[in-house]
């Protein structure tokens, strides 16, 4: 369990935007899934960018005291999943995000607004 899932999701989203992640969204899945409370979704422009985004999110959230339960897809860098218990961060390469369309799959989820530093 993340110490504050909402704060964790917002921190992750801000890091992704600061590092030029595209189309960053936070889905509030609390009422519709037992998997987590929030999904944070972003797109990277290349496999190198996807890895850099994942590295920055992981580093920042660990610094903030959140615990990384698991990381998947890092070597391929097409869809990296970072599991912080109640917050799951999905970082896609462009084509994978278009193919899997998590926002459509989780269409019943609300979106959590966050203010970026832009």
PDB file of N, CA and C in Angstrom:
ATOM      1  N   UNK A   1       0.838  -1.184   0.000  1.00  0.00           N
ATOM      2  CA  UNK A   1       0.000   0.000   0.000  1.00  0.00           C
ATOM      3  C   UNK A   1       0.881   1.245   0.000  1.00  0.00           C
ATOM      4  N   UNK A   2       0.627   2.151  -0.912  1.00  0.00           N
ATOM      5  CA  UNK A   2       1.360   3.407  -0.963  1.00  0.00           C
ATOM      6  C   UNK A   2       0.944   4.266   0.223  1.00  0.00           C
ATOM      7  N   UNK A   3       1.881   5.062   0.748  1.00  0.00           N
ATOM      8  CA  UNK A   3       1.555   5.865   1.928  1.00  0.00           C
ATOM      9  C   UNK A   3       0.447   6.867   1.654  1.00  0.00           C
ATOM     10  N   UNK A   4       0.414   7.462   0.490  1.00  0.00           N
ATOM     11  CA  UNK A   4      -0.688   8.324   0.062  1.00  0.00           C
ATOM     12  C   UNK A   4      -0.838   8.127  -1.441  1.00  0.00           C
ATOM     13  N   UNK A   5      -1.730   7.236  -1.853  1.00  0.00           N
ATOM     14  CA  UNK A   5      -1.839   6.895  -3.266  1.00  0.00           C
ATOM     15  C   UNK A   5      -2.095   8.089  -4.184  1.00  0.00           C
ATOM     16  N   UNK A   6      -2.946   8.999  -3.762  1.00  0.00           N
ATOM     17  CA  UNK A   6      -3.248  10.153  -4.607  1.00  0.00           C
ATOM     18  C   UNK A   6      -2.000  11.012  -4.811  1.00  0.00           C
ATOM     19  N   UNK A   7      -1.293  11.281  -3.739  1.00  0.00           N
ATOM     20  CA  UNK A   7      -0.054  12.074  -3.831  1.00  0.00           C
ATOM     21  C   UNK A   7       0.979  11.360  -4.705  1.00  0.00           C
ATOM     22  N   UNK A   8       1.084  10.068  -4.545  1.00  0.00           N
ATOM     23  CA  UNK A   8       2.007   9.262  -5.345  1.00  0.00           C
ATOM     24  C   UNK A   8       1.685   9.404  -6.834  1.00  0.00           C
ATOM     25  N   UNK A   9       0.418   9.305  -7.174  1.00  0.00           N
ATOM     26  CA  UNK A   9      -0.003   9.418  -8.575  1.00  0.00           C
ATOM     27  C   UNK A   9       0.300  10.807  -9.130  1.00  0.00           C
ATOM     28  N   UNK A  10       0.052  11.833  -8.340  1.00  0.00           N
ATOM     29  CA  UNK A  10       0.302  13.201  -8.791  1.00  0.00           C
ATOM     30  C   UNK A  10       1.798  13.453  -8.972  1.00  0.00           C
ATOM     31  N   UNK A  11       2.601  12.986  -8.053  1.00  0.00           N
ATOM     32  CA  UNK A  11       4.060  13.136  -8.189  1.00  0.00           C
ATOM     33  C   UNK A  11       4.531  12.460  -9.476  1.00  0.00           C
ATOM     34  N   UNK A  12       4.074  11.240  -9.697  1.00  0.00           N
ATOM     35  CA  UNK A  12       4.474  10.501 -10.903  1.00  0.00           C
ATOM     36  C   UNK A  12       4.068  11.259 -12.158  1.00  0.00           C
ATOM     37  N   UNK A  13       2.840  11.762 -12.178  1.00  0.00           N
ATOM     38  CA  UNK A  13       2.349  12.491 -13.357  1.00  0.00           C
ATOM     39  C   UNK A  13       3.170  13.749 -13.609  1.00  0.00           C
ATOM     40  N   UNK A  14       3.497  14.469 -12.561  1.00  0.00           N
ATOM     41  CA  UNK A  14       4.292  15.689 -12.718  1.00  0.00           C
ATOM     42  C   UNK A  14       5.695  15.381 -13.227  1.00  0.00           C
ATOM     43  N   UNK A  15       6.294  14.316 -12.718  1.00  0.00           N
ATOM     44  CA  UNK A  15       7.622  13.913 -13.201  1.00  0.00           C
ATOM     45  C   UNK A  15       7.545  13.581 -14.685  1.00  0.00           C
ATOM     46  N   UNK A  16       6.530  12.843 -15.075  1.00  0.00           N
ATOM     47  CA  UNK A  16       6.370  12.467 -16.478  1.00  0.00           C
ATOM     48  C   UNK A  16       6.218  13.694 -17.369  1.00  0.00           C
ATOM     49  N   UNK A  17       5.432  14.659 -16.939  1.00  0.00           N
ATOM     50  CA  UNK A  17       5.273  15.883 -17.730  1.00  0.00           C
ATOM     51  C   UNK A  17       6.566  16.689 -17.762  1.00  0.00           C
ATOM     52  N   UNK A  18       7.247  16.780 -16.622  1.00  0.00           N
ATOM     53  CA  UNK A  18       8.503  17.543 -16.567  1.00  0.00           C
ATOM     54  C   UNK A  18       9.554  16.964 -17.510  1.00  0.00           C
ATOM     55  N   UNK A  19       9.504  15.661 -17.704  1.00  0.00           N
ATOM     56  CA  UNK A  19      10.485  14.981 -18.571  1.00  0.00           C
ATOM     57  C   UNK A  19       9.951  14.776 -19.981  1.00  0.00           C
ATOM     58  N   UNK A  20       8.956  15.568 -20.345  1.00  0.00           N
ATOM     59  CA  UNK A  20       8.405  15.588 -21.706  1.00  0.00           C
ATOM     60  C   UNK A  20       7.625  14.345 -22.083  1.00  0.00           C
ATOM     61  N   UNK A  21       7.065  13.643 -21.079  1.00  0.00           N
ATOM     62  CA  UNK A  21       6.128  12.566 -21.384  1.00  0.00           C
ATOM     63  C   UNK A  21       4.892  13.172 -22.032  1.00  0.00           C
ATOM     64  N   UNK A  22       4.292  12.469 -22.953  1.00  0.00           N
ATOM     65  CA  UNK A  22       3.155  12.998 -23.692  1.00  0.00           C
ATOM     66  C   UNK A  22       1.841  12.407 -23.181  1.00  0.00           C
ATOM     67  N   UNK A  23       0.783  13.195 -23.285  1.00  0.00           N
ATOM     68  CA  UNK A  23      -0.576  12.756 -22.950  1.00  0.00           C
ATOM     69  C   UNK A  23      -0.651  12.070 -21.586  1.00  0.00           C
ATOM     70  N   UNK A  24      -0.140  12.731 -20.575  1.00  0.00           N
ATOM     71  CA  UNK A  24      -0.122  12.176 -19.222  1.00  0.00           C
ATOM     72  C   UNK A  24      -1.518  12.281 -18.611  1.00  0.00           C
ATOM     73  N   UNK A  25      -2.024  11.157 -18.119  1.00  0.00           N
ATOM     74  CA  UNK A  25      -3.324  11.130 -17.451  1.00  0.00           C
ATOM     75  C   UNK A  25      -3.241  10.288 -16.186  1.00  0.00           C
ATOM     76  N   UNK A  26      -4.099  10.630 -15.246  1.00  0.00           N
ATOM     77  CA  UNK A  26      -4.270   9.821 -14.039  1.00  0.00           C
ATOM     78  C   UNK A  26      -5.701   9.314 -14.047  1.00  0.00           C
ATOM     79  N   UNK A  27      -5.860   8.000 -14.021  1.00  0.00           N
ATOM     80  CA  UNK A  27      -7.183   7.387 -13.942  1.00  0.00           C
ATOM     81  C   UNK A  27      -7.441   6.949 -12.507  1.00  0.00           C
ATOM     82  N   UNK A  28      -8.578   7.352 -11.982  1.00  0.00           N
ATOM     83  CA  UNK A  28      -9.005   6.969 -10.638  1.00  0.00           C
ATOM     84  C   UNK A  28      -9.832   5.696 -10.781  1.00  0.00           C
ATOM     85  N   UNK A  29      -9.246   4.562 -10.409  1.00  0.00           N
ATOM     86  CA  UNK A  29      -9.926   3.273 -10.576  1.00  0.00           C
ATOM     87  C   UNK A  29     -10.382   2.677  -9.245  1.00  0.00           C
ATOM     88  N   UNK A  30     -10.436   3.496  -8.210  1.00  0.00           N
ATOM     89  CA  UNK A  30     -10.790   2.994  -6.871  1.00  0.00           C
ATOM     90  C   UNK A  30     -12.121   2.273  -6.815  1.00  0.00           C
ATOM     91  N   UNK A  31     -13.116   2.780  -7.475  1.00  0.00           N
ATOM     92  CA  UNK A  31     -14.439   2.182  -7.374  1.00  0.00           C
ATOM     93  C   UNK A  31     -14.696   1.051  -8.348  1.00  0.00           C
ATOM     94  N   UNK A  32     -13.745   0.789  -9.245  1.00  0.00           N
ATOM     95  CA  UNK A  32     -14.010  -0.205 -10.286  1.00  0.00           C
ATOM     96  C   UNK A  32     -12.988  -1.335 -10.355  1.00  0.00           C
ATOM     97  N   UNK A  33     -11.956  -1.286  -9.516  1.00  0.00           N
ATOM     98  CA  UNK A  33     -10.939  -2.335  -9.567  1.00  0.00           C
ATOM     99  C   UNK A  33     -10.282  -2.524  -8.213  1.00  0.00           C
ATOM    100  N   UNK A  34      -9.845  -3.749  -7.980  1.00  0.00           N
ATOM    101  CA  UNK A  34      -9.068  -4.029  -6.771  1.00  0.00           C
ATOM    102  C   UNK A  34      -7.566  -4.027  -7.068  1.00  0.00           C
ATOM    103  N   UNK A  35      -7.194  -3.807  -8.324  1.00  0.00           N
ATOM    104  CA  UNK A  35      -5.784  -3.816  -8.715  1.00  0.00           C
ATOM    105  C   UNK A  35      -4.991  -2.702  -8.058  1.00  0.00           C
ATOM    106  N   UNK A  36      -5.574  -1.522  -8.023  1.00  0.00           N
ATOM    107  CA  UNK A  36      -4.889  -0.333  -7.519  1.00  0.00           C
ATOM    108  C   UNK A  36      -5.922   0.757  -7.316  1.00  0.00           C
ATOM    109  N   UNK A  37      -5.474   1.900  -6.831  1.00  0.00           N
ATOM    110  CA  UNK A  37      -6.350   3.063  -6.714  1.00  0.00           C
ATOM    111  C   UNK A  37      -6.243   3.962  -7.936  1.00  0.00           C
ATOM    112  N   UNK A  38      -5.022   4.060  -8.485  1.00  0.00           N
ATOM    113  CA  UNK A  38      -4.794   4.953  -9.612  1.00  0.00           C
ATOM    114  C   UNK A  38      -3.888   4.304 -10.650  1.00  0.00           C
ATOM    115  N   UNK A  39      -4.162   4.609 -11.899  1.00  0.00           N
ATOM    116  CA  UNK A  39      -3.252   4.337 -13.003  1.00  0.00           C
ATOM    117  C   UNK A  39      -2.725   5.683 -13.479  1.00  0.00           C
ATOM    118  N   UNK A  40      -1.432   5.783 -13.673  1.00  0.00           N
ATOM    119  CA  UNK A  40      -0.833   6.953 -14.308  1.00  0.00           C
ATOM    120  C   UNK A  40      -0.333   6.461 -15.654  1.00  0.00           C
ATOM    121  N   UNK A  41      -0.734   7.148 -16.719  1.00  0.00           N
ATOM    122  CA  UNK A  41      -0.416   6.696 -18.076  1.00  0.00           C
ATOM    123  C   UNK A  41       0.277   7.819 -18.825  1.00  0.00           C
ATOM    124  N   UNK A  42       1.344   7.472 -19.541  1.00  0.00           N
ATOM    125  CA  UNK A  42       2.060   8.466 -20.348  1.00  0.00           C
ATOM    126  C   UNK A  42       2.682   7.780 -21.552  1.00  0.00           C
ATOM    127  N   UNK A  43       3.092   8.600 -22.518  1.00  0.00           N
ATOM    128  CA  UNK A  43       3.726   8.109 -23.735  1.00  0.00           C
ATOM    129  C   UNK A  43       5.115   8.706 -23.866  1.00  0.00           C
ATOM    130  N   UNK A  44       6.063   7.845 -24.272  1.00  0.00           N
ATOM    131  CA  UNK A  44       7.408   8.297 -24.598  1.00  0.00           C
ATOM    132  C   UNK A  44       7.609   8.273 -26.095  1.00  0.00           C
ATOM    133  N   UNK A  45       8.492   9.133 -26.592  1.00  0.00           N
ATOM    134  CA  UNK A  45       8.693   9.292 -28.036  1.00  0.00           C
ATOM    135  C   UNK A  45       9.632   8.257 -28.649  1.00  0.00           C
ATOM    136  N   UNK A  46      10.362   7.540 -27.822  1.00  0.00           N
ATOM    137  CA  UNK A  46      11.289   6.509 -28.294  1.00  0.00           C
ATOM    138  C   UNK A  46      11.530   5.538 -27.150  1.00  0.00           C
ATOM    139  N   UNK A  47      12.179   4.421 -27.436  1.00  0.00           N
ATOM    140  CA  UNK A  47      12.459   3.465 -26.364  1.00  0.00           C
ATOM    141  C   UNK A  47      13.409   4.078 -25.327  1.00  0.00           C
ATOM    142  N   UNK A  48      14.340   4.886 -25.775  1.00  0.00           N
ATOM    143  CA  UNK A  48      15.245   5.572 -24.846  1.00  0.00           C
ATOM    144  C   UNK A  48      14.448   6.526 -23.952  1.00  0.00           C
ATOM    145  N   UNK A  49      13.503   7.244 -24.543  1.00  0.00           N
ATOM    146  CA  UNK A  49      12.666   8.170 -23.783  1.00  0.00           C
ATOM    147  C   UNK A  49      11.794   7.416 -22.780  1.00  0.00           C
ATOM    148  N   UNK A  50      11.225   6.295 -23.196  1.00  0.00           N
ATOM    149  CA  UNK A  50      10.396   5.482 -22.291  1.00  0.00           C
ATOM    150  C   UNK A  50      11.222   5.057 -21.077  1.00  0.00           C
ATOM    151  N   UNK A  51      12.444   4.587 -21.294  1.00  0.00           N
ATOM    152  CA  UNK A  51      13.307   4.181 -20.180  1.00  0.00           C
ATOM    153  C   UNK A  51      13.661   5.366 -19.288  1.00  0.00           C
ATOM    154  N   UNK A  52      13.959   6.497 -19.907  1.00  0.00           N
ATOM    155  CA  UNK A  52      14.306   7.691 -19.124  1.00  0.00           C
ATOM    156  C   UNK A  52      13.127   8.133 -18.255  1.00  0.00           C
ATOM    157  N   UNK A  53      11.927   8.090 -18.803  1.00  0.00           N
ATOM    158  CA  UNK A  53      10.735   8.428 -18.025  1.00  0.00           C
ATOM    159  C   UNK A  53      10.569   7.472 -16.845  1.00  0.00           C
ATOM    160  N   UNK A  54      10.711   6.178 -17.111  1.00  0.00           N
ATOM    161  CA  UNK A  54      10.578   5.175 -16.045  1.00  0.00           C
ATOM    162  C   UNK A  54      11.634   5.385 -14.968  1.00  0.00           C
ATOM    163  N   UNK A  55      12.856   5.653 -15.381  1.00  0.00           N
ATOM    164  CA  UNK A  55      13.944   5.882 -14.417  1.00  0.00           C
ATOM    165  C   UNK A  55      13.651   7.073 -13.518  1.00  0.00           C
ATOM    166  N   UNK A  56      13.170   8.159 -14.106  1.00  0.00           N
ATOM    167  CA  UNK A  56      12.892   9.374 -13.330  1.00  0.00           C
ATOM    168  C   UNK A  56      11.737   9.179 -12.354  1.00  0.00           C
ATOM    169  N   UNK A  57      10.676   8.522 -12.802  1.00  0.00           N
ATOM    170  CA  UNK A  57       9.534   8.271 -11.910  1.00  0.00           C
ATOM    171  C   UNK A  57       9.978   7.379 -10.752  1.00  0.00           C
ATOM    172  N   UNK A  58      10.676   6.303 -11.083  1.00  0.00           N
ATOM    173  CA  UNK A  58      11.147   5.395 -10.034  1.00  0.00           C
ATOM    174  C   UNK A  58      12.033   6.126  -9.034  1.00  0.00           C
ATOM    175  N   UNK A  59      12.994   6.882  -9.521  1.00  0.00           N
ATOM    176  CA  UNK A  59      13.924   7.611  -8.647  1.00  0.00           C
ATOM    177  C   UNK A  59      13.184   8.574  -7.729  1.00  0.00           C
ATOM    178  N   UNK A  60      12.295   9.378  -8.295  1.00  0.00           N
ATOM    179  CA  UNK A  60      11.584  10.392  -7.502  1.00  0.00           C
ATOM    180  C   UNK A  60      10.664   9.757  -6.453  1.00  0.00           C
ATOM    181  N   UNK A  61       9.924   8.731  -6.849  1.00  0.00           N
ATOM    182  CA  UNK A  61       9.009   8.117  -5.889  1.00  0.00           C
ATOM    183  C   UNK A  61       9.753   7.373  -4.782  1.00  0.00           C
ATOM    184  N   UNK A  62      10.877   6.757  -5.110  1.00  0.00           N
ATOM    185  CA  UNK A  62      11.686   6.122  -4.064  1.00  0.00           C
ATOM    186  C   UNK A  62      12.236   7.170  -3.098  1.00  0.00           C
ATOM    187  N   UNK A  63      12.683   8.312  -3.638  1.00  0.00           N
ATOM    188  CA  UNK A  63      13.157   9.415  -2.789  1.00  0.00           C
ATOM    189  C   UNK A  63      12.064   9.911  -1.854  1.00  0.00           C
ATOM    190  N   UNK A  64      10.823   9.871  -2.335  1.00  0.00           N
ATOM    191  CA  UNK A  64       9.681  10.337  -1.536  1.00  0.00           C
ATOM    192  C   UNK A  64       9.193   9.280  -0.540  1.00  0.00           C
ATOM    193  N   UNK A  65       9.815   8.102  -0.540  1.00  0.00           N
ATOM    194  CA  UNK A  65       9.467   7.073   0.431  1.00  0.00           C
ATOM    195  C   UNK A  65       8.467   6.036  -0.032  1.00  0.00           C
ATOM    196  N   UNK A  66       8.103   6.060  -1.295  1.00  0.00           N
ATOM    197  CA  UNK A  66       7.197   5.045  -1.831  1.00  0.00           C
ATOM    198  C   UNK A  66       7.987   3.785  -2.164  1.00  0.00           C
ATOM    199  N   UNK A  67       7.311   2.658  -2.124  1.00  0.00           N
ATOM    200  CA  UNK A  67       7.953   1.353  -2.324  1.00  0.00           C
ATOM    201  C   UNK A  67       7.571   0.801  -3.690  1.00  0.00           C
ATOM    202  N   UNK A  68       8.584   0.446  -4.459  1.00  0.00           N
ATOM    203  CA  UNK A  68       8.362  -0.168  -5.768  1.00  0.00           C
ATOM    204  C   UNK A  68       8.188  -1.660  -5.568  1.00  0.00           C
ATOM    205  N   UNK A  69       7.000  -2.167  -5.881  1.00  0.00           N
ATOM    206  CA  UNK A  69       6.713  -3.590  -5.733  1.00  0.00           C
ATOM    207  C   UNK A  69       7.205  -4.382  -6.929  1.00  0.00           C
ATOM    208  N   UNK A  70       7.147  -3.781  -8.118  1.00  0.00           N
ATOM    209  CA  UNK A  70       7.583  -4.510  -9.297  1.00  0.00           C
ATOM    210  C   UNK A  70       7.740  -3.595 -10.496  1.00  0.00           C
ATOM    211  N   UNK A  71       8.559  -4.070 -11.441  1.00  0.00           N
ATOM    212  CA  UNK A  71       8.794  -3.335 -12.679  1.00  0.00           C
ATOM    213  C   UNK A  71       8.798  -4.345 -13.814  1.00  0.00           C
ATOM    214  N   UNK A  72       8.032  -4.061 -14.852  1.00  0.00           N
ATOM    215  CA  UNK A  72       7.910  -4.968 -15.994  1.00  0.00           C
ATOM    216  C   UNK A  72       8.157  -4.200 -17.292  1.00  0.00           C
ATOM    217  N   UNK A  73       8.719  -4.882 -18.272  1.00  0.00           N
ATOM    218  CA  UNK A  73       8.837  -4.338 -19.616  1.00  0.00           C
ATOM    219  C   UNK A  73       9.971  -3.362 -19.844  1.00  0.00           C
ATOM    220  N   UNK A  74      10.823  -3.176 -18.866  1.00  0.00           N
ATOM    221  CA  UNK A  74      11.870  -2.158 -18.969  1.00  0.00           C
ATOM    222  C   UNK A  74      12.854  -2.454 -20.104  1.00  0.00           C
ATOM    223  N   UNK A  75      13.283  -3.687 -20.237  1.00  0.00           N
ATOM    224  CA  UNK A  75      14.281  -4.017 -21.264  1.00  0.00           C
ATOM    225  C   UNK A  75      13.772  -3.772 -22.679  1.00  0.00           C
ATOM    226  N   UNK A  76      12.508  -4.085 -22.923  1.00  0.00           N
ATOM    227  CA  UNK A  76      11.931  -3.882 -24.252  1.00  0.00           C
ATOM    228  C   UNK A  76      11.550  -2.421 -24.475  1.00  0.00           C
ATOM    229  N   UNK A  77      11.176  -1.731 -23.422  1.00  0.00           N
ATOM    230  CA  UNK A  77      10.822  -0.307 -23.430  1.00  0.00           C
ATOM    231  C   UNK A  77       9.697   0.030 -24.403  1.00  0.00           C
ATOM    232  N   UNK A  78       8.753  -0.882 -24.540  1.00  0.00           N
ATOM    233  CA  UNK A  78       7.562  -0.598 -25.338  1.00  0.00           C
ATOM    234  C   UNK A  78       6.375  -0.287 -24.431  1.00  0.00           C
ATOM    235  N   UNK A  79       6.346  -0.939 -23.276  1.00  0.00           N
ATOM    236  CA  UNK A  79       5.343  -0.683 -22.252  1.00  0.00           C
ATOM    237  C   UNK A  79       6.001  -1.011 -20.920  1.00  0.00           C
ATOM    238  N   UNK A  80       6.382   0.008 -20.193  1.00  0.00           N
ATOM    239  CA  UNK A  80       6.996  -0.181 -18.882  1.00  0.00           C
ATOM    240  C   UNK A  80       5.919   0.024 -17.830  1.00  0.00           C
ATOM    241  N   UNK A  81       5.829  -0.922 -16.927  1.00  0.00           N
ATOM    242  CA  UNK A  81       4.869  -0.859 -15.835  1.00  0.00           C
ATOM    243  C   UNK A  81       5.646  -0.774 -14.530  1.00  0.00           C
ATOM    244  N   UNK A  82       5.358   0.255 -13.755  1.00  0.00           N
ATOM    245  CA  UNK A  82       5.954   0.423 -12.428  1.00  0.00           C
ATOM    246  C   UNK A  82       4.831   0.272 -11.403  1.00  0.00           C
ATOM    247  N   UNK A  83       4.942  -0.715 -10.540  1.00  0.00           N
ATOM    248  CA  UNK A  83       3.906  -1.026  -9.556  1.00  0.00           C
ATOM    249  C   UNK A  83       4.312  -0.492  -8.189  1.00  0.00           C
ATOM    250  N   UNK A  84       3.636   0.556  -7.770  1.00  0.00           N
ATOM    251  CA  UNK A  84       3.847   1.136  -6.446  1.00  0.00           C
ATOM    252  C   UNK A  84       2.642   0.813  -5.553  1.00  0.00           C
ATOM    253  N   UNK A  85       2.223  -0.443  -5.587  1.00  0.00           N
ATOM    254  CA  UNK A  85       1.093  -0.963  -4.819  1.00  0.00           C
ATOM    255  C   UNK A  85      -0.219  -0.328  -5.263  1.00  0.00           C
ATOM    256  N   UNK A  86      -0.632   0.776  -4.671  1.00  0.00           N
ATOM    257  CA  UNK A  86      -1.922   1.376  -4.994  1.00  0.00           C
ATOM    258  C   UNK A  86      -1.870   2.288  -6.213  1.00  0.00           C
ATOM    259  N   UNK A  87      -0.689   2.470  -6.760  1.00  0.00           N
ATOM    260  CA  UNK A  87      -0.502   3.287  -7.959  1.00  0.00           C
ATOM    261  C   UNK A  87       0.317   2.489  -8.964  1.00  0.00           C
ATOM    262  N   UNK A  88      -0.217   2.344 -10.159  1.00  0.00           N
ATOM    263  CA  UNK A  88       0.508   1.643 -11.220  1.00  0.00           C
ATOM    264  C   UNK A  88       0.764   2.644 -12.336  1.00  0.00           C
ATOM    265  N   UNK A  89       2.033   2.802 -12.671  1.00  0.00           N
ATOM    266  CA  UNK A  89       2.451   3.743 -13.697  1.00  0.00           C
ATOM    267  C   UNK A  89       2.700   2.958 -14.981  1.00  0.00           C
ATOM    268  N   UNK A  90       2.039   3.381 -16.059  1.00  0.00           N
ATOM    269  CA  UNK A  90       2.187   2.756 -17.376  1.00  0.00           C
ATOM    270  C   UNK A  90       2.857   3.769 -18.297  1.00  0.00           C
ATOM    271  N   UNK A  91       4.018   3.413 -18.828  1.00  0.00           N
ATOM    272  CA  UNK A  91       4.709   4.293 -19.762  1.00  0.00           C
ATOM    273  C   UNK A  91       4.846   3.534 -21.076  1.00  0.00           C
ATOM    274  N   UNK A  92       4.187   4.062 -22.088  1.00  0.00           N
ATOM    275  CA  UNK A  92       4.108   3.394 -23.378  1.00  0.00           C
ATOM    276  C   UNK A  92       4.967   4.084 -24.428  1.00  0.00           C
ATOM    277  N   UNK A  93       5.450   3.289 -25.365  1.00  0.00           N
ATOM    278  CA  UNK A  93       5.934   3.828 -26.618  1.00  0.00           C
ATOM    279  C   UNK A  93       4.671   4.102 -27.442  1.00  0.00           C
ATOM    280  N   UNK A  94       4.713   5.075 -28.315  1.00  0.00           N
ATOM    281  CA  UNK A  94       3.522   5.572 -29.011  1.00  0.00           C
ATOM    282  C   UNK A  94       2.616   4.477 -29.562  1.00  0.00           C
ATOM    283  N   UNK A  95       3.160   3.554 -30.320  1.00  0.00           N
ATOM    284  CA  UNK A  95       2.328   2.552 -30.992  1.00  0.00           C
ATOM    285  C   UNK A  95       1.660   1.601 -30.004  1.00  0.00           C
ATOM    286  N   UNK A  96       2.342   1.274 -28.932  1.00  0.00           N
ATOM    287  CA  UNK A  96       1.753   0.381 -27.931  1.00  0.00           C
ATOM    288  C   UNK A  96       0.588   1.064 -27.216  1.00  0.00           C
ATOM    289  N   UNK A  97       0.731   2.355 -26.947  1.00  0.00           N
ATOM    290  CA  UNK A  97      -0.377   3.052 -26.286  1.00  0.00           C
ATOM    291  C   UNK A  97      -1.601   3.080 -27.194  1.00  0.00           C
ATOM    292  N   UNK A  98      -1.393   3.336 -28.463  1.00  0.00           N
ATOM    293  CA  UNK A  98      -2.510   3.346 -29.403  1.00  0.00           C
ATOM    294  C   UNK A  98      -3.143   1.960 -29.522  1.00  0.00           C
ATOM    295  N   UNK A  99      -2.336   0.923 -29.473  1.00  0.00           N
ATOM    296  CA  UNK A  99      -2.842  -0.440 -29.620  1.00  0.00           C
ATOM    297  C   UNK A  99      -3.647  -0.877 -28.388  1.00  0.00           C
ATOM    298  N   UNK A 100      -3.079  -0.669 -27.196  1.00  0.00           N
ATOM    299  CA  UNK A 100      -3.732  -1.172 -25.980  1.00  0.00           C
ATOM    300  C   UNK A 100      -4.832  -0.255 -25.465  1.00  0.00           C
ATOM    301  N   UNK A 101      -4.778   1.013 -25.724  1.00  0.00           N
ATOM    302  CA  UNK A 101      -5.808   1.997 -25.350  1.00  0.00           C
ATOM    303  C   UNK A 101      -6.379   1.767 -23.946  1.00  0.00           C
ATOM    304  N   UNK A 102      -5.528   1.852 -22.950  1.00  0.00           N
ATOM    305  CA  UNK A 102      -5.981   1.632 -21.575  1.00  0.00           C
ATOM    306  C   UNK A 102      -7.098   2.587 -21.175  1.00  0.00           C
ATOM    307  N   UNK A 103      -7.045   3.817 -21.668  1.00  0.00           N
ATOM    308  CA  UNK A 103      -8.108   4.758 -21.307  1.00  0.00           C
ATOM    309  C   UNK A 103      -9.467   4.263 -21.781  1.00  0.00           C
ATOM    310  N   UNK A 104      -9.523   3.621 -22.916  1.00  0.00           N
ATOM    311  CA  UNK A 104     -10.799   3.087 -23.393  1.00  0.00           C
ATOM    312  C   UNK A 104     -11.192   1.839 -22.598  1.00  0.00           C
ATOM    313  N   UNK A 105     -10.207   0.996 -22.304  1.00  0.00           N
ATOM    314  CA  UNK A 105     -10.467  -0.203 -21.518  1.00  0.00           C
ATOM    315  C   UNK A 105     -11.008   0.157 -20.129  1.00  0.00           C
ATOM    316  N   UNK A 106     -10.491   1.229 -19.560  1.00  0.00           N
ATOM    317  CA  UNK A 106     -10.904   1.691 -18.236  1.00  0.00           C
ATOM    318  C   UNK A 106     -11.764   2.956 -18.365  1.00  0.00           C
ATOM    319  N   UNK A 107     -12.670   2.967 -19.322  1.00  0.00           N
ATOM    320  CA  UNK A 107     -13.487   4.144 -19.621  1.00  0.00           C
ATOM    321  C   UNK A 107     -14.374   4.570 -18.449  1.00  0.00           C
ATOM    322  N   UNK A 108     -14.693   3.653 -17.553  1.00  0.00           N
ATOM    323  CA  UNK A 108     -15.527   3.995 -16.402  1.00  0.00           C
ATOM    324  C   UNK A 108     -14.759   4.732 -15.309  1.00  0.00           C
ATOM    325  N   UNK A 109     -13.446   4.789 -15.437  1.00  0.00           N
ATOM    326  CA  UNK A 109     -12.621   5.452 -14.427  1.00  0.00           C
ATOM    327  C   UNK A 109     -12.730   6.970 -14.570  1.00  0.00           C
ATOM    328  N   UNK A 110     -12.700   7.631 -13.442  1.00  0.00           N
ATOM    329  CA  UNK A 110     -12.638   9.089 -13.466  1.00  0.00           C
ATOM    330  C   UNK A 110     -11.206   9.529 -13.726  1.00  0.00           C
ATOM    331  N   UNK A 111     -11.065  10.759 -14.104  1.00  0.00           N
ATOM    332  CA  UNK A 111      -9.723  11.318 -14.310  1.00  0.00           C
ATOM    333  C   UNK A 111      -9.413  12.268 -13.173  1.00  0.00           C
ATOM    334  N   UNK A 112      -8.220  12.119 -12.650  1.00  0.00           N
ATOM    335  CA  UNK A 112      -7.761  12.981 -11.575  1.00  0.00           C
ATOM    336  C   UNK A 112      -6.969  14.127 -12.193  1.00  0.00           C
ATOM    337  N   UNK A 113      -7.433  15.328 -11.970  1.00  0.00           N
ATOM    338  CA  UNK A 113      -6.735  16.500 -12.500  1.00  0.00           C
ATOM    339  C   UNK A 113      -5.522  16.795 -11.617  1.00  0.00           C
ATOM    340  N   UNK A 114      -4.459  17.247 -12.236  1.00  0.00           N
ATOM    341  CA  UNK A 114      -3.273  17.649 -11.510  1.00  0.00           C
ATOM    342  C   UNK A 114      -2.700  18.858 -12.219  1.00  0.00           C
ATOM    343  N   UNK A 115      -2.086  19.730 -11.466  1.00  0.00           N
ATOM    344  CA  UNK A 115      -1.510  20.916 -12.107  1.00  0.00           C
ATOM    345  C   UNK A 115      -0.030  20.656 -12.354  1.00  0.00           C
ATOM    346  N   UNK A 116       0.343  20.826 -13.597  1.00  0.00           N
ATOM    347  CA  UNK A 116       1.742  20.598 -13.968  1.00  0.00           C
ATOM    348  C   UNK A 116       2.534  21.880 -13.771  1.00  0.00           C
ATOM    349  N   UNK A 117       3.824  21.741 -13.922  1.00  0.00           N
ATOM    350  CA  UNK A 117       4.709  22.893 -13.764  1.00  0.00           C
ATOM    351  C   UNK A 117       4.887  23.659 -15.061  1.00  0.00           C
ATOM    352  N   UNK A 118       4.143  23.310 -16.102  1.00  0.00           N
ATOM    353  CA  UNK A 118       4.285  23.963 -17.393  1.00  0.00           C
ATOM    354  C   UNK A 118       3.730  25.361 -17.383  1.00  0.00           C
TER     355      UNK A 118
END
